[in-house]
C-alpha cells in the first residue's frame, strides 16, 4: 500500500473538517496543521463590509496559508511522519471566486499562480460532502457569531467552486466522502469508519467517491 505522509481534509463551511482532522491526528499521533483563520486582521471587517474588504481578506489568507504550510512542511518531525492539515491553499481560489469581483479575481489569480508554484501537494486530499441543510444546521449549532448570516446561496457557490476545482485535477488523489449520515464526533463507530476510509484504503488519481 502506498504510504500517505501528507493528508489534507477539507469540506464546505460547517462540514467538520477541522474537528475530524484534529481527531485523526490525535488518534494516530500525527502532526496537525490547523489554519489560523482568526489571525486574519481583515476578517471582522470583511463580515461587516464584504464589498470593501474581500480583496484584502483573501490576500491576507493566501499569504498566511502559504507561509504556515511552507514553514510546517519544511520542518518535518521524524517522530511524526504523518501530517494532517485542515486546509489546502487552493481553497484561496475557491473562496476568492465566490467573494471577489471579476477584475479583482483575475488579479488575485495572477498573484496566486506565482505563489502556487511552490505549494506542496498532499498525498491524499479528503473532501467531506454534506447537504446544504446539514451544513446550515452545523453552522447554527456551533454558534460562531460571524457565521450566522451565511446563506445557502453562498454555500452553493463554495460547493460549486470545489467541484469545478476537482474536475481540473489529474495529478491529485481526491476522496469525496459522503458524510451526511456520519457523526464522527459523537459516535466512535462512525469515526473508526471514516478513519479506515482515509488510512487503510488505496485510491486512484482523480476523484474517488465514497459512500460509507
N, C-alpha and C. Protein backbone atom coordinates (compact mmCIF):
# COMPACT_ATOMS: atom_id res chain seq x y z
N UNK A 1 0.85 -1.20 0.00
CA UNK A 1 0.00 0.00 0.00
C UNK A 1 0.88 1.25 0.00
N UNK A 2 0.55 2.20 -0.85
CA UNK A 2 1.31 3.45 -0.89
C UNK A 2 1.12 4.23 0.40
N UNK A 3 2.21 4.72 0.96
CA UNK A 3 2.14 5.43 2.23
C UNK A 3 1.82 6.91 1.99
N UNK A 4 0.81 7.40 2.67
CA UNK A 4 0.44 8.81 2.58
C UNK A 4 1.01 9.55 3.78
N UNK A 5 1.97 10.42 3.52
CA UNK A 5 2.62 11.15 4.60
C UNK A 5 2.01 12.53 4.85
N UNK A 6 1.23 13.01 3.88
CA UNK A 6 0.64 14.34 3.99
C UNK A 6 -0.80 14.26 3.51
N UNK A 7 -1.73 14.41 4.44
CA UNK A 7 -3.16 14.30 4.15
C UNK A 7 -3.85 15.63 4.45
N UNK A 8 -4.68 16.07 3.54
CA UNK A 8 -5.48 17.27 3.72
C UNK A 8 -6.95 16.87 3.84
N UNK A 9 -7.64 17.45 4.82
CA UNK A 9 -9.08 17.21 5.00
C UNK A 9 -9.80 18.54 4.85
N UNK A 10 -10.67 18.64 3.85
CA UNK A 10 -11.42 19.87 3.62
C UNK A 10 -12.91 19.56 3.46
N UNK A 11 -13.67 20.61 3.24
CA UNK A 11 -15.10 20.50 3.07
C UNK A 11 -15.69 21.89 3.08
N UNK A 12 -16.97 21.98 2.84
CA UNK A 12 -17.64 23.27 2.86
C UNK A 12 -17.68 23.80 4.30
N UNK A 13 -18.11 25.03 4.47
CA UNK A 13 -18.24 25.62 5.80
C UNK A 13 -19.23 24.79 6.62
N UNK A 14 -18.80 24.33 7.79
CA UNK A 14 -19.69 23.56 8.64
C UNK A 14 -19.62 22.06 8.45
N UNK A 15 -18.72 21.58 7.59
CA UNK A 15 -18.63 20.14 7.32
C UNK A 15 -17.90 19.37 8.41
N UNK A 16 -17.16 20.09 9.27
CA UNK A 16 -16.45 19.42 10.35
C UNK A 16 -15.04 19.02 10.02
N UNK A 17 -14.44 19.69 9.04
CA UNK A 17 -13.10 19.32 8.58
C UNK A 17 -12.04 19.47 9.67
N UNK A 18 -12.10 20.58 10.41
CA UNK A 18 -11.10 20.79 11.47
C UNK A 18 -11.28 19.80 12.60
N UNK A 19 -12.53 19.54 12.97
CA UNK A 19 -12.80 18.57 14.02
C UNK A 19 -12.26 17.20 13.65
N UNK A 20 -12.55 16.75 12.44
CA UNK A 20 -12.10 15.44 12.01
C UNK A 20 -10.58 15.39 11.89
N UNK A 21 -9.97 16.41 11.31
CA UNK A 21 -8.51 16.42 11.14
C UNK A 21 -7.81 16.37 12.49
N UNK A 22 -8.32 17.12 13.45
CA UNK A 22 -7.72 17.12 14.79
C UNK A 22 -7.89 15.78 15.48
N UNK A 23 -9.09 15.19 15.39
CA UNK A 23 -9.34 13.88 15.99
C UNK A 23 -8.45 12.82 15.38
N UNK A 24 -8.31 12.86 14.05
CA UNK A 24 -7.47 11.90 13.36
C UNK A 24 -6.02 12.02 13.81
N UNK A 25 -5.52 13.24 13.87
CA UNK A 25 -4.13 13.47 14.26
C UNK A 25 -3.87 12.97 15.67
N UNK A 26 -4.80 13.26 16.58
CA UNK A 26 -4.64 12.81 17.96
C UNK A 26 -4.69 11.29 18.06
N UNK A 27 -5.56 10.68 17.28
CA UNK A 27 -5.75 9.23 17.35
C UNK A 27 -4.52 8.47 16.86
N UNK A 28 -3.89 8.95 15.81
CA UNK A 28 -2.78 8.21 15.20
C UNK A 28 -1.41 8.82 15.50
N UNK A 29 -1.39 9.88 16.31
CA UNK A 29 -0.13 10.51 16.65
C UNK A 29 0.51 11.27 15.50
N UNK A 30 -0.32 11.88 14.68
CA UNK A 30 0.18 12.64 13.54
C UNK A 30 0.37 14.11 13.90
N UNK A 31 1.12 14.78 13.08
CA UNK A 31 1.27 16.22 13.22
C UNK A 31 0.01 16.88 12.64
N UNK A 32 -0.54 17.85 13.38
CA UNK A 32 -1.77 18.51 12.95
C UNK A 32 -1.48 19.96 12.59
N UNK A 33 -1.88 20.34 11.39
CA UNK A 33 -1.75 21.73 10.95
C UNK A 33 -3.15 22.32 10.84
N UNK A 34 -3.44 23.29 11.66
CA UNK A 34 -4.76 23.94 11.66
C UNK A 34 -4.63 25.36 11.13
N UNK A 35 -5.51 25.69 10.23
CA UNK A 35 -5.49 27.04 9.67
C UNK A 35 -5.76 28.07 10.77
N UNK A 36 -4.93 29.11 10.80
CA UNK A 36 -5.09 30.15 11.81
C UNK A 36 -5.93 31.30 11.23
N UNK A 37 -7.17 30.96 10.92
CA UNK A 37 -8.01 31.92 10.21
C UNK A 37 -8.38 33.14 11.04
N UNK A 38 -8.42 32.98 12.37
CA UNK A 38 -8.80 34.10 13.22
C UNK A 38 -7.69 35.14 13.32
N UNK A 39 -6.48 34.80 12.84
CA UNK A 39 -5.38 35.76 12.85
C UNK A 39 -5.49 36.78 11.71
N UNK A 40 -6.42 36.55 10.79
CA UNK A 40 -6.59 37.46 9.66
C UNK A 40 -7.20 38.78 10.15
N UNK A 41 -6.44 39.88 10.09
CA UNK A 41 -6.94 41.16 10.63
C UNK A 41 -8.10 41.74 9.83
N UNK A 42 -8.29 41.24 8.61
CA UNK A 42 -9.36 41.78 7.77
C UNK A 42 -10.66 40.98 7.88
N UNK A 43 -10.63 39.87 8.61
CA UNK A 43 -11.81 39.02 8.68
C UNK A 43 -13.02 39.73 9.30
N UNK A 44 -12.88 40.37 10.47
CA UNK A 44 -14.04 41.09 11.02
C UNK A 44 -14.56 42.19 10.10
N UNK A 45 -13.62 42.88 9.45
CA UNK A 45 -14.02 43.93 8.52
C UNK A 45 -14.74 43.35 7.31
N UNK A 46 -14.30 42.17 6.87
CA UNK A 46 -14.94 41.51 5.73
C UNK A 46 -16.39 41.18 6.04
N UNK A 47 -16.64 40.66 7.24
CA UNK A 47 -18.02 40.31 7.60
C UNK A 47 -18.90 41.55 7.73
N UNK A 48 -18.29 42.68 8.15
CA UNK A 48 -19.06 43.92 8.26
C UNK A 48 -19.28 44.59 6.90
N UNK A 49 -18.28 44.49 6.03
CA UNK A 49 -18.36 45.15 4.73
C UNK A 49 -17.63 44.31 3.68
N UNK A 50 -18.27 43.23 3.20
CA UNK A 50 -17.62 42.31 2.26
C UNK A 50 -17.14 42.98 0.99
N UNK A 51 -17.93 43.88 0.46
CA UNK A 51 -17.58 44.51 -0.81
C UNK A 51 -16.26 45.27 -0.72
N UNK A 52 -16.05 45.92 0.41
CA UNK A 52 -14.85 46.75 0.58
C UNK A 52 -13.62 45.94 0.96
N UNK A 53 -13.80 44.90 1.77
CA UNK A 53 -12.64 44.22 2.35
C UNK A 53 -12.38 42.80 1.83
N UNK A 54 -13.14 42.35 0.85
CA UNK A 54 -12.94 40.99 0.34
C UNK A 54 -11.54 40.76 -0.20
N UNK A 55 -11.06 41.70 -1.01
CA UNK A 55 -9.75 41.51 -1.65
C UNK A 55 -8.64 41.46 -0.61
N UNK A 56 -8.68 42.38 0.34
CA UNK A 56 -7.65 42.41 1.39
C UNK A 56 -7.71 41.14 2.24
N UNK A 57 -8.93 40.68 2.53
CA UNK A 57 -9.09 39.47 3.34
C UNK A 57 -8.53 38.25 2.61
N UNK A 58 -8.82 38.13 1.31
CA UNK A 58 -8.35 36.99 0.55
C UNK A 58 -6.84 37.01 0.38
N UNK A 59 -6.26 38.16 0.16
CA UNK A 59 -4.80 38.26 0.06
C UNK A 59 -4.13 37.88 1.39
N UNK A 60 -4.73 38.34 2.48
CA UNK A 60 -4.19 38.01 3.80
C UNK A 60 -4.26 36.52 4.05
N UNK A 61 -5.37 35.88 3.67
CA UNK A 61 -5.50 34.43 3.82
C UNK A 61 -4.44 33.71 2.99
N UNK A 62 -4.27 34.14 1.75
CA UNK A 62 -3.31 33.49 0.86
C UNK A 62 -1.90 33.56 1.44
N UNK A 63 -1.50 34.75 1.89
CA UNK A 63 -0.16 34.92 2.45
C UNK A 63 0.03 34.06 3.69
N UNK A 64 -0.98 34.03 4.56
CA UNK A 64 -0.88 33.27 5.81
C UNK A 64 -0.85 31.77 5.55
N UNK A 65 -1.69 31.31 4.63
CA UNK A 65 -1.73 29.88 4.32
C UNK A 65 -0.40 29.41 3.72
N UNK A 66 0.11 30.18 2.78
CA UNK A 66 1.36 29.80 2.14
C UNK A 66 2.50 29.79 3.16
N UNK A 67 2.58 30.84 3.97
CA UNK A 67 3.66 30.93 4.95
C UNK A 67 3.59 29.80 5.98
N UNK A 68 2.39 29.53 6.49
CA UNK A 68 2.26 28.49 7.51
C UNK A 68 2.64 27.12 6.97
N UNK A 69 2.10 26.76 5.80
CA UNK A 69 2.40 25.44 5.26
C UNK A 69 3.86 25.32 4.84
N UNK A 70 4.42 26.39 4.31
CA UNK A 70 5.83 26.36 3.93
C UNK A 70 6.71 26.09 5.14
N UNK A 71 6.38 26.72 6.26
CA UNK A 71 7.15 26.52 7.49
C UNK A 71 6.93 25.12 8.06
N UNK A 72 5.67 24.72 8.13
CA UNK A 72 5.33 23.44 8.76
C UNK A 72 5.87 22.25 7.95
N UNK A 73 5.72 22.29 6.64
CA UNK A 73 6.09 21.14 5.82
C UNK A 73 7.59 21.06 5.55
N UNK A 74 8.30 22.15 5.77
CA UNK A 74 9.75 22.12 5.58
C UNK A 74 10.47 21.68 6.85
N UNK A 75 9.73 21.57 7.94
CA UNK A 75 10.31 21.14 9.21
C UNK A 75 9.61 19.88 9.69
N UNK A 76 9.79 18.77 8.95
CA UNK A 76 9.14 17.52 9.30
C UNK A 76 9.76 16.92 10.56
N UNK A 77 8.92 16.33 11.39
CA UNK A 77 9.33 15.67 12.62
C UNK A 77 9.49 14.18 12.33
N UNK A 78 10.68 13.65 12.59
CA UNK A 78 10.93 12.24 12.31
C UNK A 78 10.04 11.32 13.15
N UNK A 79 9.59 11.84 14.30
CA UNK A 79 8.74 11.04 15.18
C UNK A 79 7.26 11.19 14.86
N UNK A 80 6.95 12.08 13.95
CA UNK A 80 5.58 12.27 13.48
C UNK A 80 5.60 12.31 11.94
N UNK A 81 5.83 11.17 11.32
CA UNK A 81 5.98 11.15 9.85
C UNK A 81 4.70 11.51 9.10
N UNK A 82 3.54 11.37 9.74
CA UNK A 82 2.28 11.70 9.09
C UNK A 82 1.84 13.11 9.48
N UNK A 83 1.49 13.91 8.50
CA UNK A 83 0.97 15.26 8.72
C UNK A 83 -0.46 15.33 8.20
N UNK A 84 -1.35 15.87 9.03
CA UNK A 84 -2.75 16.07 8.64
C UNK A 84 -3.09 17.54 8.77
N UNK A 85 -3.57 18.14 7.69
CA UNK A 85 -3.93 19.57 7.69
C UNK A 85 -5.41 19.73 7.42
N UNK A 86 -5.99 20.81 7.95
CA UNK A 86 -7.42 21.04 7.73
C UNK A 86 -7.67 22.04 6.61
N UNK A 87 -6.66 22.27 5.78
CA UNK A 87 -6.86 23.13 4.61
C UNK A 87 -5.74 22.91 3.60
N UNK A 88 -6.04 23.31 2.38
CA UNK A 88 -5.09 23.28 1.26
C UNK A 88 -5.14 24.68 0.64
N UNK A 89 -4.02 25.30 0.33
CA UNK A 89 -4.03 26.68 -0.17
C UNK A 89 -4.93 26.91 -1.38
N UNK A 90 -5.25 25.86 -2.13
CA UNK A 90 -6.12 26.02 -3.29
C UNK A 90 -7.49 26.57 -2.90
N UNK A 91 -7.86 26.45 -1.61
CA UNK A 91 -9.15 26.97 -1.20
C UNK A 91 -9.21 28.49 -1.38
N UNK A 92 -8.03 29.13 -1.44
CA UNK A 92 -8.00 30.57 -1.69
C UNK A 92 -8.66 30.91 -3.01
N UNK A 93 -8.42 30.08 -4.04
CA UNK A 93 -9.06 30.32 -5.33
C UNK A 93 -10.57 30.14 -5.26
N UNK A 94 -11.00 29.13 -4.51
CA UNK A 94 -12.43 28.82 -4.43
C UNK A 94 -13.18 29.93 -3.72
N UNK A 95 -12.64 30.39 -2.60
CA UNK A 95 -13.33 31.43 -1.84
C UNK A 95 -13.19 32.80 -2.51
N UNK A 96 -12.06 33.06 -3.14
CA UNK A 96 -11.91 34.34 -3.83
C UNK A 96 -12.85 34.44 -5.02
N UNK A 97 -13.08 33.32 -5.71
CA UNK A 97 -14.02 33.32 -6.83
C UNK A 97 -15.43 33.67 -6.35
N UNK A 98 -15.77 33.22 -5.14
CA UNK A 98 -17.10 33.49 -4.58
C UNK A 98 -17.21 34.90 -4.01
N UNK A 99 -16.08 35.48 -3.59
CA UNK A 99 -16.14 36.74 -2.85
C UNK A 99 -15.71 37.97 -3.64
N UNK A 100 -14.96 37.79 -4.71
CA UNK A 100 -14.40 38.94 -5.42
C UNK A 100 -15.14 39.25 -6.71
N UNK A 101 -15.00 40.49 -7.13
CA UNK A 101 -15.50 40.87 -8.46
C UNK A 101 -14.61 40.21 -9.50
N UNK A 102 -15.05 40.22 -10.75
CA UNK A 102 -14.27 39.58 -11.82
C UNK A 102 -12.88 40.17 -11.94
N UNK A 103 -12.78 41.51 -11.93
CA UNK A 103 -11.48 42.16 -12.07
C UNK A 103 -10.56 41.82 -10.90
N UNK A 104 -11.12 41.85 -9.69
CA UNK A 104 -10.32 41.52 -8.51
C UNK A 104 -9.88 40.06 -8.54
N UNK A 105 -10.77 39.18 -8.98
CA UNK A 105 -10.43 37.76 -9.02
C UNK A 105 -9.30 37.51 -10.02
N UNK A 106 -9.35 38.13 -11.18
CA UNK A 106 -8.31 37.92 -12.18
C UNK A 106 -6.95 38.39 -11.66
N UNK A 107 -6.93 39.50 -10.93
CA UNK A 107 -5.69 39.97 -10.34
C UNK A 107 -5.23 39.01 -9.24
N UNK A 108 -6.17 38.58 -8.42
CA UNK A 108 -5.85 37.64 -7.35
C UNK A 108 -5.29 36.34 -7.94
N UNK A 109 -5.89 35.89 -9.03
CA UNK A 109 -5.45 34.64 -9.66
C UNK A 109 -4.01 34.75 -10.18
N UNK A 110 -3.63 35.90 -10.69
CA UNK A 110 -2.27 36.10 -11.15
C UNK A 110 -1.28 35.99 -9.99
N UNK A 111 -1.65 36.59 -8.86
CA UNK A 111 -0.80 36.51 -7.67
C UNK A 111 -0.73 35.07 -7.17
N UNK A 112 -1.88 34.42 -7.15
CA UNK A 112 -1.93 33.03 -6.68
C UNK A 112 -1.07 32.11 -7.53
N UNK A 113 -1.12 32.28 -8.83
CA UNK A 113 -0.35 31.42 -9.73
C UNK A 113 1.15 31.53 -9.48
N UNK A 114 1.60 32.71 -9.11
CA UNK A 114 3.01 32.90 -8.79
C UNK A 114 3.36 32.13 -7.52
N UNK A 115 2.51 32.27 -6.52
CA UNK A 115 2.75 31.63 -5.22
C UNK A 115 2.61 30.11 -5.31
N UNK A 116 1.62 29.65 -6.05
CA UNK A 116 1.27 28.23 -6.05
C UNK A 116 2.34 27.33 -6.66
N UNK A 117 3.30 27.92 -7.37
CA UNK A 117 4.36 27.11 -7.99
C UNK A 117 5.14 26.33 -6.94
N UNK A 118 5.17 26.82 -5.71
CA UNK A 118 5.94 26.18 -4.65
C UNK A 118 5.06 25.48 -3.61
N UNK A 119 3.79 25.33 -3.89
CA UNK A 119 2.90 24.69 -2.93
C UNK A 119 3.08 23.17 -2.98
N UNK A 120 3.25 22.56 -1.82
CA UNK A 120 3.41 21.11 -1.73
C UNK A 120 2.04 20.44 -1.87
N UNK A 121 1.93 19.50 -2.79
CA UNK A 121 0.67 18.78 -2.98
C UNK A 121 0.54 17.67 -1.94
N UNK A 122 -0.67 17.48 -1.41
CA UNK A 122 -0.86 16.39 -0.46
C UNK A 122 -0.83 15.03 -1.15
N UNK A 123 -0.45 14.00 -0.42
CA UNK A 123 -0.51 12.65 -0.96
C UNK A 123 -1.96 12.19 -1.09
N UNK A 124 -2.81 12.71 -0.21
CA UNK A 124 -4.22 12.34 -0.22
C UNK A 124 -5.05 13.55 0.19
N UNK A 125 -6.05 13.86 -0.63
CA UNK A 125 -6.93 15.00 -0.36
C UNK A 125 -8.34 14.47 -0.06
N UNK A 126 -8.83 14.74 1.14
CA UNK A 126 -10.15 14.29 1.56
C UNK A 126 -11.14 15.45 1.53
N UNK A 127 -12.30 15.23 0.92
CA UNK A 127 -13.35 16.24 0.91
C UNK A 127 -14.60 15.66 1.57
N UNK A 128 -15.04 16.30 2.65
CA UNK A 128 -16.25 15.87 3.34
C UNK A 128 -17.46 16.52 2.68
N UNK A 129 -18.31 15.72 2.09
CA UNK A 129 -19.50 16.24 1.42
C UNK A 129 -20.71 16.14 2.34
N UNK A 130 -21.44 17.25 2.48
CA UNK A 130 -22.67 17.27 3.27
C UNK A 130 -23.72 18.10 2.55
N UNK A 131 -24.96 17.79 2.82
CA UNK A 131 -26.07 18.53 2.22
C UNK A 131 -26.11 19.95 2.78
N UNK A 132 -26.76 20.84 2.04
CA UNK A 132 -26.88 22.23 2.49
C UNK A 132 -27.60 22.32 3.84
N UNK A 133 -28.65 21.53 4.01
CA UNK A 133 -29.41 21.59 5.26
C UNK A 133 -28.55 21.17 6.44
N UNK A 134 -27.71 20.16 6.26
CA UNK A 134 -26.85 19.72 7.36
C UNK A 134 -25.76 20.74 7.64
N UNK A 135 -25.23 21.37 6.60
CA UNK A 135 -24.23 22.41 6.80
C UNK A 135 -24.81 23.57 7.59
N UNK A 136 -26.00 24.02 7.21
CA UNK A 136 -26.67 25.12 7.91
C UNK A 136 -26.92 24.75 9.37
N UNK A 137 -27.34 23.52 9.60
CA UNK A 137 -27.59 23.06 10.96
C UNK A 137 -26.31 23.06 11.78
N UNK A 138 -25.23 22.57 11.20
CA UNK A 138 -23.94 22.54 11.90
C UNK A 138 -23.44 23.94 12.21
N UNK A 139 -23.59 24.84 11.25
CA UNK A 139 -23.16 26.23 11.44
C UNK A 139 -23.94 26.87 12.59
N UNK A 140 -25.23 26.62 12.61
CA UNK A 140 -26.07 27.18 13.67
C UNK A 140 -25.70 26.61 15.03
N UNK A 141 -25.47 25.31 15.08
CA UNK A 141 -25.20 24.64 16.36
C UNK A 141 -23.85 25.01 16.95
N UNK A 142 -22.85 25.28 16.10
CA UNK A 142 -21.55 25.61 16.68
C UNK A 142 -21.46 27.07 17.11
N UNK A 143 -22.40 27.89 16.66
CA UNK A 143 -22.63 29.20 17.25
C UNK A 143 -21.58 30.27 17.05
N UNK A 144 -20.79 30.19 15.99
CA UNK A 144 -19.85 31.28 15.72
C UNK A 144 -20.63 32.47 15.20
N UNK A 145 -20.56 33.58 15.91
CA UNK A 145 -21.44 34.72 15.60
C UNK A 145 -21.24 35.23 14.18
N UNK A 146 -19.99 35.20 13.70
CA UNK A 146 -19.70 35.75 12.38
C UNK A 146 -20.16 34.84 11.24
N UNK A 147 -20.62 33.63 11.57
CA UNK A 147 -21.10 32.71 10.53
C UNK A 147 -22.62 32.66 10.43
N UNK A 148 -23.29 33.26 11.39
CA UNK A 148 -24.74 33.06 11.46
C UNK A 148 -25.51 33.70 10.31
N UNK A 149 -24.88 34.61 9.61
CA UNK A 149 -25.56 35.26 8.47
C UNK A 149 -25.30 34.54 7.15
N UNK A 150 -24.53 33.45 7.19
CA UNK A 150 -24.23 32.72 5.95
C UNK A 150 -25.50 32.12 5.38
N UNK A 151 -25.71 32.33 4.09
CA UNK A 151 -26.91 31.86 3.41
C UNK A 151 -26.60 30.64 2.54
N UNK A 152 -27.64 29.91 2.18
CA UNK A 152 -27.47 28.72 1.34
C UNK A 152 -26.84 29.07 -0.01
N UNK A 153 -27.19 30.22 -0.57
CA UNK A 153 -26.63 30.62 -1.86
C UNK A 153 -25.11 30.70 -1.81
N UNK A 154 -24.58 31.18 -0.69
CA UNK A 154 -23.13 31.29 -0.54
C UNK A 154 -22.50 29.90 -0.43
N UNK A 155 -23.14 29.02 0.33
CA UNK A 155 -22.64 27.65 0.46
C UNK A 155 -22.66 26.93 -0.88
N UNK A 156 -23.66 27.21 -1.70
CA UNK A 156 -23.72 26.63 -3.03
C UNK A 156 -22.55 27.11 -3.88
N UNK A 157 -22.22 28.40 -3.78
CA UNK A 157 -21.07 28.94 -4.52
C UNK A 157 -19.78 28.23 -4.13
N UNK A 158 -19.61 28.02 -2.83
CA UNK A 158 -18.40 27.35 -2.35
C UNK A 158 -18.37 25.90 -2.83
N UNK A 159 -19.51 25.22 -2.70
CA UNK A 159 -19.60 23.84 -3.17
C UNK A 159 -19.26 23.74 -4.66
N UNK A 160 -19.87 24.61 -5.46
CA UNK A 160 -19.62 24.59 -6.90
C UNK A 160 -18.16 24.89 -7.22
N UNK A 161 -17.54 25.76 -6.42
CA UNK A 161 -16.14 26.07 -6.61
C UNK A 161 -15.25 24.86 -6.38
N UNK A 162 -15.55 24.10 -5.33
CA UNK A 162 -14.79 22.87 -5.08
C UNK A 162 -14.98 21.86 -6.20
N UNK A 163 -16.23 21.69 -6.65
CA UNK A 163 -16.49 20.72 -7.71
C UNK A 163 -15.77 21.10 -9.00
N UNK A 164 -15.74 22.37 -9.30
CA UNK A 164 -15.04 22.83 -10.50
C UNK A 164 -13.53 22.60 -10.37
N UNK A 165 -13.01 22.83 -9.18
CA UNK A 165 -11.60 22.59 -8.92
C UNK A 165 -11.24 21.12 -9.10
N UNK A 166 -12.10 20.23 -8.57
CA UNK A 166 -11.83 18.80 -8.66
C UNK A 166 -11.79 18.31 -10.11
N UNK A 167 -12.67 18.88 -10.94
CA UNK A 167 -12.73 18.45 -12.34
C UNK A 167 -11.43 18.70 -13.09
N UNK A 168 -10.66 19.67 -12.61
CA UNK A 168 -9.44 20.06 -13.31
C UNK A 168 -8.19 19.37 -12.77
N UNK A 169 -8.37 18.50 -11.77
CA UNK A 169 -7.21 17.86 -11.15
C UNK A 169 -6.98 16.47 -11.75
N UNK A 170 -5.79 16.28 -12.29
CA UNK A 170 -5.44 14.95 -12.80
C UNK A 170 -4.17 14.41 -12.15
N UNK A 171 -3.60 15.19 -11.23
CA UNK A 171 -2.40 14.73 -10.54
C UNK A 171 -2.56 14.79 -9.02
N UNK A 172 -3.82 14.73 -8.58
CA UNK A 172 -4.13 14.79 -7.16
C UNK A 172 -5.10 13.65 -6.84
N UNK A 173 -4.84 12.94 -5.75
CA UNK A 173 -5.74 11.87 -5.33
C UNK A 173 -6.78 12.46 -4.39
N UNK A 174 -8.02 12.52 -4.87
CA UNK A 174 -9.11 13.16 -4.14
C UNK A 174 -10.14 12.10 -3.74
N UNK A 175 -10.52 12.11 -2.47
CA UNK A 175 -11.55 11.19 -1.99
C UNK A 175 -12.70 12.02 -1.42
N UNK A 176 -13.85 11.95 -2.11
CA UNK A 176 -15.05 12.64 -1.64
C UNK A 176 -15.87 11.67 -0.80
N UNK A 177 -15.99 11.99 0.49
CA UNK A 177 -16.72 11.12 1.41
C UNK A 177 -18.09 11.71 1.71
N UNK A 178 -19.13 10.95 1.46
CA UNK A 178 -20.48 11.39 1.81
C UNK A 178 -20.62 11.26 3.33
N UNK A 179 -20.58 12.39 4.01
CA UNK A 179 -20.60 12.40 5.48
C UNK A 179 -21.97 12.76 6.06
N UNK A 180 -22.99 12.73 5.24
CA UNK A 180 -24.32 13.13 5.71
C UNK A 180 -24.84 12.26 6.85
N UNK A 181 -24.52 10.98 6.81
CA UNK A 181 -25.03 10.06 7.82
C UNK A 181 -23.98 9.66 8.84
N UNK A 182 -22.89 10.41 8.90
CA UNK A 182 -21.82 10.12 9.86
C UNK A 182 -21.78 11.17 10.96
N UNK A 183 -21.67 10.72 12.18
CA UNK A 183 -21.48 11.61 13.33
C UNK A 183 -20.17 11.21 13.98
N UNK A 184 -19.06 11.55 13.30
CA UNK A 184 -17.75 11.07 13.75
C UNK A 184 -17.30 11.72 15.06
N UNK A 185 -17.94 12.83 15.46
CA UNK A 185 -17.55 13.48 16.71
C UNK A 185 -18.14 12.76 17.92
N UNK A 186 -19.38 12.29 17.79
CA UNK A 186 -20.07 11.68 18.94
C UNK A 186 -20.12 10.16 18.91
N UNK A 187 -19.91 9.57 17.72
CA UNK A 187 -20.02 8.11 17.61
C UNK A 187 -18.67 7.51 17.22
N UNK A 188 -18.12 6.71 18.12
CA UNK A 188 -16.82 6.09 17.89
C UNK A 188 -16.83 5.21 16.64
N UNK A 189 -17.95 4.50 16.42
CA UNK A 189 -18.02 3.62 15.24
C UNK A 189 -17.95 4.42 13.95
N UNK A 190 -18.58 5.58 13.93
CA UNK A 190 -18.53 6.42 12.73
C UNK A 190 -17.12 6.97 12.52
N UNK A 191 -16.47 7.36 13.62
CA UNK A 191 -15.10 7.86 13.49
C UNK A 191 -14.17 6.77 12.97
N UNK A 192 -14.30 5.55 13.50
CA UNK A 192 -13.45 4.46 13.05
C UNK A 192 -13.71 4.13 11.58
N UNK A 193 -14.96 4.27 11.18
CA UNK A 193 -15.32 4.00 9.78
C UNK A 193 -14.63 4.99 8.84
N UNK A 194 -14.68 6.26 9.21
CA UNK A 194 -14.07 7.27 8.35
C UNK A 194 -12.54 7.22 8.43
N UNK A 195 -12.01 6.85 9.58
CA UNK A 195 -10.56 6.69 9.72
C UNK A 195 -10.06 5.57 8.82
N UNK A 196 -10.82 4.49 8.75
CA UNK A 196 -10.45 3.36 7.89
C UNK A 196 -10.47 3.77 6.42
N UNK A 197 -11.47 4.56 6.04
CA UNK A 197 -11.57 5.04 4.66
C UNK A 197 -10.34 5.87 4.28
N UNK A 198 -9.88 6.68 5.22
CA UNK A 198 -8.77 7.59 4.94
C UNK A 198 -7.41 6.90 5.01
N UNK A 199 -7.22 6.04 5.99
CA UNK A 199 -5.89 5.50 6.25
C UNK A 199 -5.62 4.12 5.66
N UNK A 200 -6.67 3.34 5.45
CA UNK A 200 -6.45 1.93 5.09
C UNK A 200 -6.91 1.52 3.70
N UNK A 201 -7.23 2.48 2.86
CA UNK A 201 -7.66 2.17 1.50
C UNK A 201 -6.72 2.80 0.49
N UNK A 202 -6.72 2.24 -0.69
CA UNK A 202 -5.94 2.82 -1.78
C UNK A 202 -6.86 3.43 -2.82
N UNK A 203 -6.44 4.55 -3.39
CA UNK A 203 -7.27 5.27 -4.35
C UNK A 203 -6.46 5.69 -5.57
N UNK A 204 -7.17 5.82 -6.68
CA UNK A 204 -6.53 6.24 -7.92
C UNK A 204 -6.43 7.76 -7.97
N UNK A 205 -5.59 8.26 -8.85
CA UNK A 205 -5.51 9.70 -9.08
C UNK A 205 -6.87 10.19 -9.59
N UNK A 206 -7.21 11.45 -9.28
CA UNK A 206 -8.50 11.98 -9.67
C UNK A 206 -9.50 11.86 -8.53
N UNK A 207 -10.77 11.97 -8.87
CA UNK A 207 -11.83 11.98 -7.85
C UNK A 207 -12.36 10.57 -7.59
N UNK A 208 -12.35 10.18 -6.31
CA UNK A 208 -12.89 8.89 -5.87
C UNK A 208 -14.04 9.19 -4.91
N UNK A 209 -15.24 8.74 -5.24
CA UNK A 209 -16.41 9.00 -4.40
C UNK A 209 -16.66 7.79 -3.50
N UNK A 210 -16.85 8.09 -2.19
CA UNK A 210 -17.05 7.01 -1.22
C UNK A 210 -18.32 7.29 -0.42
N UNK A 211 -19.19 6.30 -0.36
CA UNK A 211 -20.38 6.38 0.49
C UNK A 211 -20.21 5.32 1.57
N UNK A 212 -19.94 5.70 2.81
CA UNK A 212 -19.69 4.73 3.88
C UNK A 212 -20.88 3.82 4.12
